[in-house]
Amino acid sequence: MEFVIGTHNPNKIKEFGRILRPLGISVCSASLPEVEETGETFAENAFLKASSACRETGKPAVADDSGLAVDALNGAPGIFSARYAGEGATSVERNAKLLCAMQDVPAGRRAAKFVCAICCVFPNGDTVTAQAECAGSIAFAPRGGGGFGYDPLFLVGGGKTFAELTGEEKDKISHRGRALRAFAEKIKRYGGVLSC
């Protein structure tokens, strides 16, 4: 099976491919217009992106919406994770803003989770969805050179940040890895051979 991926983020395209390939699913990208993320949940935004990609290409399309929810910040940045430091801000700027917001939060109160919602929209209107989380905490400073986004600040079991893990190590425990594996199982039940 092959799906159009509804994202402009090359890191996400790589992760999708790396996680889904061993499950017999391949991905391809397409030149797609930006989608305004007006949903109130990760799942709603994933649907908006997948349905737009499906409309534009006429092919089955899968998209995700994901973000970081920090307990001490009442779930922020949440669905606004990519725009937390303003439109066009870099990952370094978003991480700096998060650290500033967390500067007075002690070690025992820095719990957070990454959330990922996956949605696939087919040309006939069918949808397949999955959602998963990964619990962790926020580090006091960025660590590691891998990953992207908030990965240098997100601590998981073993005391490493996502950015200190290899791609394969991250995929085993990450919110996106878990959501994509759950999605792959649902797609297998949905059935059919699809092509880009």
N, C-alpha and C. Protein backbone atom coordinates (compact mmCIF):
# COMPACT_ATOMS: atom_id res chain seq x y z
N MET A 1 0.84 -1.19 0.00
CA MET A 1 0.00 0.00 0.00
C MET A 1 0.87 1.24 0.00
N GLU A 2 0.39 2.30 -0.65
CA GLU A 2 1.13 3.55 -0.71
C GLU A 2 0.17 4.71 -0.50
N PHE A 3 0.60 5.70 0.28
CA PHE A 3 -0.23 6.85 0.60
C PHE A 3 0.48 8.15 0.31
N VAL A 4 -0.28 9.17 -0.10
CA VAL A 4 0.24 10.53 -0.15
C VAL A 4 0.29 11.04 1.28
N ILE A 5 1.39 11.68 1.65
CA ILE A 5 1.53 12.23 3.00
C ILE A 5 1.19 13.71 2.97
N GLY A 6 0.22 14.11 3.77
CA GLY A 6 -0.23 15.50 3.83
C GLY A 6 0.57 16.32 4.80
N THR A 7 1.83 16.60 4.45
CA THR A 7 2.67 17.46 5.30
C THR A 7 3.75 18.10 4.44
N HIS A 8 4.24 19.24 4.90
CA HIS A 8 5.39 19.90 4.26
C HIS A 8 6.65 19.67 5.08
N ASN A 9 6.53 18.92 6.17
CA ASN A 9 7.64 18.71 7.09
C ASN A 9 8.45 17.48 6.65
N PRO A 10 9.67 17.70 6.13
CA PRO A 10 10.47 16.56 5.65
C PRO A 10 10.83 15.58 6.75
N ASN A 11 10.94 16.07 8.00
CA ASN A 11 11.24 15.17 9.12
C ASN A 11 10.09 14.20 9.36
N LYS A 12 8.86 14.70 9.24
CA LYS A 12 7.70 13.82 9.43
C LYS A 12 7.61 12.80 8.29
N ILE A 13 7.88 13.23 7.07
CA ILE A 13 7.84 12.30 5.94
C ILE A 13 8.83 11.17 6.17
N LYS A 14 10.03 11.52 6.66
CA LYS A 14 11.05 10.49 6.96
C LYS A 14 10.55 9.53 8.02
N GLU A 15 9.97 10.08 9.11
CA GLU A 15 9.47 9.23 10.20
C GLU A 15 8.35 8.32 9.71
N PHE A 16 7.41 8.89 8.95
CA PHE A 16 6.31 8.07 8.41
C PHE A 16 6.89 6.89 7.63
N GLY A 17 7.82 7.18 6.72
CA GLY A 17 8.41 6.12 5.90
C GLY A 17 9.14 5.09 6.72
N ARG A 18 9.93 5.55 7.68
CA ARG A 18 10.74 4.65 8.50
C ARG A 18 9.85 3.72 9.34
N ILE A 19 8.75 4.25 9.86
CA ILE A 19 7.89 3.45 10.74
C ILE A 19 6.96 2.54 9.94
N LEU A 20 6.43 3.03 8.81
CA LEU A 20 5.44 2.25 8.07
C LEU A 20 6.05 1.24 7.11
N ARG A 21 7.27 1.48 6.63
CA ARG A 21 7.90 0.58 5.65
C ARG A 21 7.94 -0.87 6.13
N PRO A 22 8.40 -1.14 7.38
CA PRO A 22 8.44 -2.54 7.83
C PRO A 22 7.06 -3.19 7.92
N LEU A 23 6.01 -2.37 7.90
CA LEU A 23 4.64 -2.89 7.99
C LEU A 23 4.02 -3.06 6.60
N GLY A 24 4.83 -2.86 5.55
CA GLY A 24 4.33 -3.05 4.20
C GLY A 24 3.60 -1.86 3.60
N ILE A 25 3.79 -0.69 4.20
CA ILE A 25 3.14 0.52 3.71
C ILE A 25 4.22 1.51 3.29
N SER A 26 4.11 2.04 2.08
CA SER A 26 5.07 3.05 1.63
C SER A 26 4.36 4.39 1.49
N VAL A 27 5.15 5.46 1.48
CA VAL A 27 4.60 6.80 1.44
C VAL A 27 5.22 7.58 0.28
N CYS A 28 4.48 8.56 -0.21
CA CYS A 28 5.02 9.48 -1.19
C CYS A 28 4.54 10.87 -0.84
N SER A 29 5.30 11.87 -1.26
CA SER A 29 4.92 13.25 -0.97
C SER A 29 4.36 13.88 -2.24
N ALA A 30 3.67 14.99 -2.08
CA ALA A 30 3.12 15.72 -3.21
C ALA A 30 3.20 17.20 -2.89
N SER A 31 3.19 18.02 -3.92
CA SER A 31 3.19 19.47 -3.73
C SER A 31 1.77 19.87 -3.35
N LEU A 32 1.59 20.28 -2.12
CA LEU A 32 0.25 20.54 -1.59
C LEU A 32 0.17 21.96 -1.03
N PRO A 33 -1.01 22.58 -1.08
CA PRO A 33 -1.17 23.90 -0.48
C PRO A 33 -1.16 23.80 1.04
N GLU A 34 -0.78 24.89 1.70
CA GLU A 34 -0.83 24.94 3.16
C GLU A 34 -2.28 24.82 3.61
N VAL A 35 -2.51 24.15 4.72
CA VAL A 35 -3.85 23.98 5.27
C VAL A 35 -3.93 24.77 6.57
N GLU A 36 -4.96 25.58 6.69
CA GLU A 36 -5.16 26.34 7.93
C GLU A 36 -5.68 25.37 9.00
N GLU A 37 -4.95 25.27 10.09
CA GLU A 37 -5.31 24.33 11.15
C GLU A 37 -6.29 25.00 12.11
N THR A 38 -7.57 24.91 11.75
CA THR A 38 -8.62 25.57 12.53
C THR A 38 -9.31 24.63 13.51
N GLY A 39 -8.88 23.37 13.55
CA GLY A 39 -9.49 22.41 14.47
C GLY A 39 -9.18 22.74 15.92
N GLU A 40 -9.99 22.18 16.80
CA GLU A 40 -9.78 22.41 18.24
C GLU A 40 -9.07 21.24 18.90
N THR A 41 -8.80 20.19 18.13
CA THR A 41 -8.08 19.03 18.65
C THR A 41 -7.04 18.58 17.62
N PHE A 42 -6.11 17.75 18.07
CA PHE A 42 -5.14 17.17 17.15
C PHE A 42 -5.86 16.37 16.06
N ALA A 43 -6.88 15.60 16.45
CA ALA A 43 -7.61 14.76 15.50
C ALA A 43 -8.30 15.60 14.43
N GLU A 44 -8.90 16.72 14.82
CA GLU A 44 -9.58 17.58 13.84
C GLU A 44 -8.58 18.16 12.85
N ASN A 45 -7.43 18.59 13.32
CA ASN A 45 -6.42 19.16 12.43
C ASN A 45 -5.83 18.10 11.50
N ALA A 46 -5.63 16.88 11.99
CA ALA A 46 -5.15 15.80 11.13
C ALA A 46 -6.14 15.53 10.01
N PHE A 47 -7.44 15.54 10.33
CA PHE A 47 -8.47 15.34 9.31
C PHE A 47 -8.44 16.44 8.27
N LEU A 48 -8.31 17.70 8.71
CA LEU A 48 -8.26 18.82 7.76
C LEU A 48 -7.12 18.65 6.76
N LYS A 49 -5.94 18.25 7.26
CA LYS A 49 -4.78 18.10 6.38
C LYS A 49 -4.93 16.90 5.44
N ALA A 50 -5.42 15.78 5.97
CA ALA A 50 -5.57 14.59 5.14
C ALA A 50 -6.66 14.80 4.08
N SER A 51 -7.77 15.41 4.45
CA SER A 51 -8.84 15.61 3.48
C SER A 51 -8.42 16.59 2.39
N SER A 52 -7.65 17.61 2.74
CA SER A 52 -7.14 18.55 1.74
C SER A 52 -6.21 17.84 0.76
N ALA A 53 -5.29 17.01 1.28
CA ALA A 53 -4.35 16.28 0.42
C ALA A 53 -5.09 15.31 -0.50
N CYS A 54 -6.12 14.67 0.01
CA CYS A 54 -6.92 13.74 -0.80
C CYS A 54 -7.65 14.50 -1.91
N ARG A 55 -8.24 15.64 -1.57
CA ARG A 55 -8.93 16.45 -2.58
C ARG A 55 -7.97 16.92 -3.68
N GLU A 56 -6.78 17.38 -3.25
CA GLU A 56 -5.80 17.92 -4.21
C GLU A 56 -5.25 16.86 -5.14
N THR A 57 -5.06 15.64 -4.65
CA THR A 57 -4.40 14.61 -5.45
C THR A 57 -5.36 13.57 -6.02
N GLY A 58 -6.55 13.47 -5.42
CA GLY A 58 -7.49 12.42 -5.83
C GLY A 58 -7.06 11.04 -5.37
N LYS A 59 -6.12 11.00 -4.44
CA LYS A 59 -5.55 9.73 -3.97
C LYS A 59 -5.73 9.62 -2.45
N PRO A 60 -5.63 8.40 -1.90
CA PRO A 60 -5.67 8.24 -0.45
C PRO A 60 -4.55 9.08 0.19
N ALA A 61 -4.89 9.78 1.24
CA ALA A 61 -3.90 10.66 1.87
C ALA A 61 -3.93 10.47 3.37
N VAL A 62 -2.75 10.50 3.97
CA VAL A 62 -2.63 10.37 5.42
C VAL A 62 -1.88 11.59 5.95
N ALA A 63 -2.32 12.08 7.10
CA ALA A 63 -1.67 13.23 7.73
C ALA A 63 -1.72 13.04 9.23
N ASP A 64 -0.85 13.75 9.90
CA ASP A 64 -0.90 13.74 11.36
C ASP A 64 -0.95 15.16 11.88
N ASP A 65 -1.40 15.29 13.09
CA ASP A 65 -1.22 16.53 13.84
C ASP A 65 -0.72 16.09 15.20
N SER A 66 0.33 16.71 15.63
CA SER A 66 0.94 16.30 16.88
C SER A 66 1.47 17.51 17.61
N GLY A 67 1.71 17.33 18.89
CA GLY A 67 2.24 18.42 19.67
C GLY A 67 2.54 18.01 21.09
N LEU A 68 3.04 18.97 21.82
CA LEU A 68 3.50 18.78 23.19
C LEU A 68 2.50 19.40 24.15
N ALA A 69 2.10 18.66 25.16
CA ALA A 69 1.20 19.16 26.20
C ALA A 69 1.92 19.09 27.54
N VAL A 70 2.13 20.23 28.18
CA VAL A 70 2.89 20.32 29.42
C VAL A 70 1.93 20.55 30.59
N ASP A 71 1.98 19.67 31.59
CA ASP A 71 1.06 19.76 32.72
C ASP A 71 1.12 21.12 33.41
N ALA A 72 2.33 21.61 33.70
CA ALA A 72 2.48 22.87 34.44
C ALA A 72 2.00 24.08 33.65
N LEU A 73 1.80 23.91 32.35
CA LEU A 73 1.31 25.00 31.49
C LEU A 73 -0.13 24.74 31.06
N ASN A 74 -0.85 23.95 31.86
CA ASN A 74 -2.26 23.63 31.58
C ASN A 74 -2.45 23.05 30.17
N GLY A 75 -1.51 22.22 29.74
CA GLY A 75 -1.63 21.55 28.46
C GLY A 75 -1.02 22.31 27.28
N ALA A 76 -0.55 23.52 27.51
CA ALA A 76 0.11 24.27 26.43
C ALA A 76 1.48 23.64 26.16
N PRO A 77 2.03 23.82 24.99
CA PRO A 77 1.47 24.55 23.85
C PRO A 77 0.38 23.79 23.09
N GLY A 78 0.22 22.49 23.29
CA GLY A 78 -0.89 21.73 22.71
C GLY A 78 -0.97 21.84 21.20
N ILE A 79 -2.20 22.11 20.69
CA ILE A 79 -2.39 22.17 19.24
C ILE A 79 -1.65 23.35 18.62
N PHE A 80 -1.15 24.25 19.45
CA PHE A 80 -0.40 25.40 18.94
C PHE A 80 1.11 25.19 19.02
N SER A 81 1.54 23.95 19.19
CA SER A 81 2.97 23.65 19.38
C SER A 81 3.85 24.25 18.30
N ALA A 82 3.45 24.14 17.04
CA ALA A 82 4.27 24.65 15.93
C ALA A 82 4.29 26.17 15.88
N ARG A 83 3.29 26.81 16.48
CA ARG A 83 3.19 28.28 16.45
C ARG A 83 3.38 28.91 17.82
N TYR A 84 3.91 28.14 18.76
CA TYR A 84 4.02 28.56 20.16
C TYR A 84 4.81 29.86 20.32
N ALA A 85 5.85 30.06 19.54
CA ALA A 85 6.66 31.28 19.62
C ALA A 85 6.34 32.23 18.47
N GLY A 86 5.20 32.02 17.82
CA GLY A 86 4.78 32.88 16.71
C GLY A 86 5.00 32.21 15.37
N GLU A 87 4.26 32.70 14.36
CA GLU A 87 4.40 32.17 13.00
C GLU A 87 5.83 32.35 12.51
N GLY A 88 6.37 31.31 11.91
CA GLY A 88 7.71 31.39 11.34
C GLY A 88 8.85 31.23 12.33
N ALA A 89 8.53 31.02 13.61
CA ALA A 89 9.58 30.83 14.62
C ALA A 89 10.30 29.52 14.38
N THR A 90 11.57 29.48 14.72
CA THR A 90 12.36 28.25 14.57
C THR A 90 12.14 27.34 15.77
N SER A 91 12.61 26.11 15.64
CA SER A 91 12.55 25.17 16.77
C SER A 91 13.33 25.71 17.95
N VAL A 92 14.46 26.33 17.69
CA VAL A 92 15.28 26.91 18.77
C VAL A 92 14.49 27.97 19.51
N GLU A 93 13.75 28.80 18.78
CA GLU A 93 12.95 29.86 19.41
C GLU A 93 11.78 29.28 20.20
N ARG A 94 11.14 28.25 19.66
CA ARG A 94 10.04 27.60 20.40
C ARG A 94 10.56 26.94 21.67
N ASN A 95 11.70 26.27 21.58
CA ASN A 95 12.28 25.64 22.77
C ASN A 95 12.67 26.68 23.81
N ALA A 96 13.21 27.81 23.36
CA ALA A 96 13.60 28.88 24.29
C ALA A 96 12.37 29.44 25.00
N LYS A 97 11.28 29.62 24.27
CA LYS A 97 10.05 30.12 24.89
C LYS A 97 9.53 29.13 25.93
N LEU A 98 9.58 27.84 25.59
CA LEU A 98 9.12 26.82 26.53
C LEU A 98 9.98 26.82 27.79
N LEU A 99 11.28 26.89 27.64
CA LEU A 99 12.17 26.92 28.81
C LEU A 99 11.91 28.15 29.66
N CYS A 100 11.66 29.27 29.03
CA CYS A 100 11.35 30.50 29.77
C CYS A 100 10.05 30.32 30.58
N ALA A 101 9.04 29.74 29.95
CA ALA A 101 7.76 29.51 30.64
C ALA A 101 7.91 28.53 31.79
N MET A 102 8.91 27.63 31.71
CA MET A 102 9.11 26.58 32.71
C MET A 102 10.20 26.93 33.72
N GLN A 103 10.77 28.13 33.67
CA GLN A 103 11.96 28.44 34.46
C GLN A 103 11.78 28.27 35.97
N ASP A 104 10.57 28.47 36.48
CA ASP A 104 10.35 28.34 37.92
C ASP A 104 9.69 27.02 38.31
N VAL A 105 9.58 26.10 37.38
CA VAL A 105 8.92 24.81 37.64
C VAL A 105 9.98 23.80 38.07
N PRO A 106 9.84 23.25 39.28
CA PRO A 106 10.87 22.30 39.78
C PRO A 106 10.81 20.95 39.07
N ALA A 107 11.85 20.16 39.27
CA ALA A 107 12.02 18.88 38.58
C ALA A 107 10.81 17.96 38.72
N GLY A 108 10.21 17.87 39.87
CA GLY A 108 9.11 16.95 40.08
C GLY A 108 7.80 17.36 39.45
N ARG A 109 7.76 18.57 38.88
CA ARG A 109 6.50 19.08 38.33
C ARG A 109 6.60 19.42 36.84
N ARG A 110 7.51 18.76 36.14
CA ARG A 110 7.76 19.08 34.73
C ARG A 110 7.19 18.02 33.77
N ALA A 111 6.16 17.31 34.23
CA ALA A 111 5.56 16.25 33.40
C ALA A 111 4.96 16.83 32.13
N ALA A 112 5.08 16.05 31.07
CA ALA A 112 4.54 16.46 29.77
C ALA A 112 4.24 15.20 28.95
N LYS A 113 3.54 15.40 27.85
CA LYS A 113 3.31 14.29 26.94
C LYS A 113 3.28 14.81 25.51
N PHE A 114 3.75 13.99 24.61
CA PHE A 114 3.57 14.24 23.19
C PHE A 114 2.32 13.49 22.76
N VAL A 115 1.51 14.12 21.92
CA VAL A 115 0.29 13.51 21.39
C VAL A 115 0.37 13.52 19.87
N CYS A 116 -0.08 12.44 19.26
CA CYS A 116 -0.12 12.36 17.80
C CYS A 116 -1.45 11.76 17.35
N ALA A 117 -2.14 12.48 16.48
CA ALA A 117 -3.36 11.97 15.85
C ALA A 117 -3.08 11.75 14.38
N ILE A 118 -3.44 10.58 13.86
CA ILE A 118 -3.26 10.22 12.46
C ILE A 118 -4.64 10.10 11.81
N CYS A 119 -4.75 10.62 10.60
CA CYS A 119 -6.00 10.46 9.86
C CYS A 119 -5.68 10.13 8.41
N CYS A 120 -6.37 9.16 7.88
CA CYS A 120 -6.27 8.82 6.46
C CYS A 120 -7.65 9.05 5.84
N VAL A 121 -7.67 9.76 4.72
CA VAL A 121 -8.92 10.01 3.99
C VAL A 121 -8.79 9.38 2.60
N PHE A 122 -9.79 8.61 2.23
CA PHE A 122 -9.83 7.96 0.93
C PHE A 122 -10.73 8.76 -0.01
N PRO A 123 -10.51 8.65 -1.32
CA PRO A 123 -11.35 9.39 -2.27
C PRO A 123 -12.84 9.10 -2.15
N ASN A 124 -13.20 7.91 -1.65
CA ASN A 124 -14.62 7.59 -1.49
C ASN A 124 -15.23 8.18 -0.21
N GLY A 125 -14.41 8.90 0.57
CA GLY A 125 -14.91 9.54 1.79
C GLY A 125 -14.63 8.76 3.06
N ASP A 126 -14.18 7.51 2.95
CA ASP A 126 -13.84 6.72 4.14
C ASP A 126 -12.67 7.37 4.88
N THR A 127 -12.67 7.20 6.19
CA THR A 127 -11.54 7.67 7.00
C THR A 127 -11.09 6.55 7.93
N VAL A 128 -9.79 6.56 8.22
CA VAL A 128 -9.20 5.66 9.22
C VAL A 128 -8.36 6.55 10.13
N THR A 129 -8.56 6.42 11.45
CA THR A 129 -7.86 7.29 12.38
C THR A 129 -7.19 6.48 13.49
N ALA A 130 -6.20 7.10 14.11
CA ALA A 130 -5.53 6.53 15.28
C ALA A 130 -4.91 7.68 16.07
N GLN A 131 -4.76 7.47 17.36
CA GLN A 131 -4.13 8.48 18.22
C GLN A 131 -3.33 7.79 19.31
N ALA A 132 -2.20 8.39 19.67
CA ALA A 132 -1.37 7.82 20.74
C ALA A 132 -0.61 8.94 21.43
N GLU A 133 -0.07 8.59 22.61
CA GLU A 133 0.68 9.54 23.43
C GLU A 133 1.99 8.92 23.88
N CYS A 134 2.90 9.77 24.28
CA CYS A 134 4.15 9.35 24.91
C CYS A 134 4.39 10.26 26.10
N ALA A 135 4.44 9.68 27.29
CA ALA A 135 4.65 10.46 28.51
C ALA A 135 6.13 10.72 28.75
N GLY A 136 6.43 11.86 29.31
CA GLY A 136 7.81 12.22 29.62
C GLY A 136 7.83 13.44 30.52
N SER A 137 8.91 14.20 30.42
CA SER A 137 9.03 15.44 31.18
C SER A 137 9.92 16.41 30.42
N ILE A 138 9.94 17.65 30.88
CA ILE A 138 10.70 18.70 30.20
C ILE A 138 12.04 18.89 30.88
N ALA A 139 13.11 18.79 30.09
CA ALA A 139 14.47 19.00 30.61
C ALA A 139 14.69 20.48 30.95
N PHE A 140 15.78 20.76 31.65
CA PHE A 140 16.10 22.14 32.01
C PHE A 140 16.91 22.85 30.93
N ALA A 141 17.42 22.08 29.97
CA ALA A 141 18.18 22.64 28.85
C ALA A 141 18.14 21.65 27.70
N PRO A 142 18.27 22.13 26.46
CA PRO A 142 18.27 21.21 25.32
C PRO A 142 19.44 20.24 25.37
N ARG A 143 19.17 18.99 24.94
CA ARG A 143 20.22 17.97 24.88
C ARG A 143 20.03 17.12 23.64
N GLY A 144 21.12 16.82 22.96
CA GLY A 144 21.09 15.93 21.82
C GLY A 144 21.02 16.66 20.50
N GLY A 145 21.48 15.99 19.46
CA GLY A 145 21.53 16.59 18.13
C GLY A 145 20.59 15.97 17.13
N GLY A 146 19.78 15.01 17.54
CA GLY A 146 18.87 14.35 16.62
C GLY A 146 17.47 14.91 16.73
N GLY A 147 16.56 14.28 16.01
CA GLY A 147 15.16 14.65 16.09
C GLY A 147 14.88 16.03 15.54
N PHE A 148 13.75 16.59 15.96
CA PHE A 148 13.34 17.92 15.52
C PHE A 148 12.32 18.48 16.51
N GLY A 149 11.97 19.73 16.34
CA GLY A 149 10.98 20.35 17.20
C GLY A 149 11.41 20.39 18.66
N TYR A 150 10.55 19.89 19.54
CA TYR A 150 10.81 19.91 20.98
C TYR A 150 11.63 18.72 21.45
N ASP A 151 12.09 17.87 20.53
CA ASP A 151 12.83 16.66 20.90
C ASP A 151 14.00 16.90 21.85
N PRO A 152 14.77 18.01 21.71
CA PRO A 152 15.90 18.21 22.63
C PRO A 152 15.49 18.49 24.07
N LEU A 153 14.21 18.79 24.30
CA LEU A 153 13.74 19.09 25.66
C LEU A 153 12.89 17.98 26.26
N PHE A 154 12.49 16.99 25.46
CA PHE A 154 11.53 15.99 25.93
C PHE A 154 12.27 14.76 26.46
N LEU A 155 12.25 14.61 27.78
CA LEU A 155 12.91 13.49 28.46
C LEU A 155 11.96 12.29 28.56
N VAL A 156 12.50 11.12 28.25
CA VAL A 156 11.72 9.89 28.37
C VAL A 156 12.45 8.94 29.30
N GLY A 157 11.88 7.76 29.52
CA GLY A 157 12.49 6.77 30.40
C GLY A 157 13.95 6.53 30.06
N GLY A 158 14.77 6.41 31.08
CA GLY A 158 16.20 6.25 30.86
C GLY A 158 16.95 7.57 30.93
N GLY A 159 16.21 8.67 31.06
CA GLY A 159 16.84 9.97 31.24
C GLY A 159 17.38 10.63 29.99
N LYS A 160 17.04 10.09 28.80
CA LYS A 160 17.49 10.70 27.55
C LYS A 160 16.36 11.51 26.94
N THR A 161 16.74 12.54 26.18
CA THR A 161 15.75 13.27 25.40
C THR A 161 15.52 12.53 24.08
N PHE A 162 14.42 12.84 23.43
CA PHE A 162 14.18 12.27 22.10
C PHE A 162 15.35 12.57 21.17
N ALA A 163 15.96 13.74 21.33
CA ALA A 163 17.06 14.15 20.45
C ALA A 163 18.34 13.37 20.70
N GLU A 164 18.41 12.64 21.82
CA GLU A 164 19.59 11.81 22.13
C GLU A 164 19.41 10.36 21.68
N LEU A 165 18.23 10.03 21.16
CA LEU A 165 17.95 8.68 20.70
C LEU A 165 18.19 8.57 19.20
N THR A 166 18.48 7.37 18.73
CA THR A 166 18.52 7.15 17.29
C THR A 166 17.08 7.19 16.78
N GLY A 167 16.93 7.33 15.47
CA GLY A 167 15.59 7.34 14.90
C GLY A 167 14.82 6.08 15.24
N GLU A 168 15.50 4.95 15.19
CA GLU A 168 14.83 3.68 15.47
C GLU A 168 14.43 3.57 16.94
N GLU A 169 15.30 4.06 17.85
CA GLU A 169 14.96 4.05 19.28
C GLU A 169 13.76 4.94 19.55
N LYS A 170 13.76 6.10 18.94
CA LYS A 170 12.64 7.03 19.13
C LYS A 170 11.34 6.42 18.60
N ASP A 171 11.40 5.81 17.41
CA ASP A 171 10.20 5.24 16.79
C ASP A 171 9.51 4.21 17.67
N LYS A 172 10.31 3.45 18.44
CA LYS A 172 9.74 2.40 19.29
C LYS A 172 8.85 2.94 20.40
N ILE A 173 9.15 4.16 20.88
CA ILE A 173 8.42 4.67 22.04
C ILE A 173 7.65 5.96 21.78
N SER A 174 7.90 6.60 20.66
CA SER A 174 7.31 7.92 20.43
C SER A 174 5.81 7.87 20.18
N HIS A 175 5.18 9.00 20.40
CA HIS A 175 3.76 9.19 20.12
C HIS A 175 3.45 8.88 18.65
N ARG A 176 4.31 9.35 17.72
CA ARG A 176 4.06 9.13 16.30
C ARG A 176 4.27 7.66 15.94
N GLY A 177 5.30 7.05 16.50
CA GLY A 177 5.53 5.63 16.25
C GLY A 177 4.36 4.79 16.72
N ARG A 178 3.87 5.07 17.92
CA ARG A 178 2.74 4.31 18.45
C ARG A 178 1.48 4.53 17.63
N ALA A 179 1.23 5.80 17.26
CA ALA A 179 0.03 6.11 16.48
C ALA A 179 0.09 5.48 15.10
N LEU A 180 1.26 5.52 14.46
CA LEU A 180 1.39 4.94 13.12
C LEU A 180 1.26 3.42 13.14
N ARG A 181 1.77 2.78 14.19
CA ARG A 181 1.59 1.32 14.27
C ARG A 181 0.12 0.95 14.48
N ALA A 182 -0.58 1.73 15.32
CA ALA A 182 -2.01 1.49 15.51
C ALA A 182 -2.77 1.75 14.21
N PHE A 183 -2.38 2.81 13.51
CA PHE A 183 -2.98 3.14 12.22
C PHE A 183 -2.75 2.01 11.21
N ALA A 184 -1.53 1.49 11.16
CA ALA A 184 -1.20 0.41 10.22
C ALA A 184 -2.08 -0.81 10.45
N GLU A 185 -2.33 -1.14 11.73
CA GLU A 185 -3.19 -2.29 12.03
C GLU A 185 -4.62 -2.03 11.54
N LYS A 186 -5.10 -0.80 11.70
CA LYS A 186 -6.45 -0.48 11.22
C LYS A 186 -6.52 -0.52 9.70
N ILE A 187 -5.47 -0.05 9.04
CA ILE A 187 -5.43 -0.07 7.57
C ILE A 187 -5.44 -1.51 7.06
N LYS A 188 -4.73 -2.39 7.76
CA LYS A 188 -4.74 -3.81 7.35
C LYS A 188 -6.16 -4.36 7.40
N ARG A 189 -6.91 -3.98 8.43
CA ARG A 189 -8.30 -4.44 8.54
C ARG A 189 -9.19 -3.78 7.47
N TYR A 190 -8.85 -2.52 7.12
CA TYR A 190 -9.62 -1.82 6.08
C TYR A 190 -9.45 -2.55 4.74
N GLY A 191 -8.22 -2.99 4.47
CA GLY A 191 -7.95 -3.82 3.29
C GLY A 191 -7.81 -3.03 2.01
N GLY A 192 -7.53 -3.76 0.95
CA GLY A 192 -7.39 -3.14 -0.38
C GLY A 192 -5.94 -2.81 -0.69
N VAL A 193 -5.62 -2.80 -1.95
CA VAL A 193 -4.29 -2.40 -2.39
C VAL A 193 -4.42 -1.03 -3.00
N LEU A 194 -3.66 -0.08 -2.48
CA LEU A 194 -3.74 1.30 -2.91
C LEU A 194 -2.44 1.71 -3.56
N SER A 195 -2.50 2.61 -4.48
CA SER A 195 -1.27 3.11 -5.09
C SER A 195 -1.34 4.61 -5.31
N CYS A 196 -0.18 5.23 -5.29
CA CYS A 196 -0.07 6.67 -5.52
C CYS A 196 -0.17 6.97 -6.98
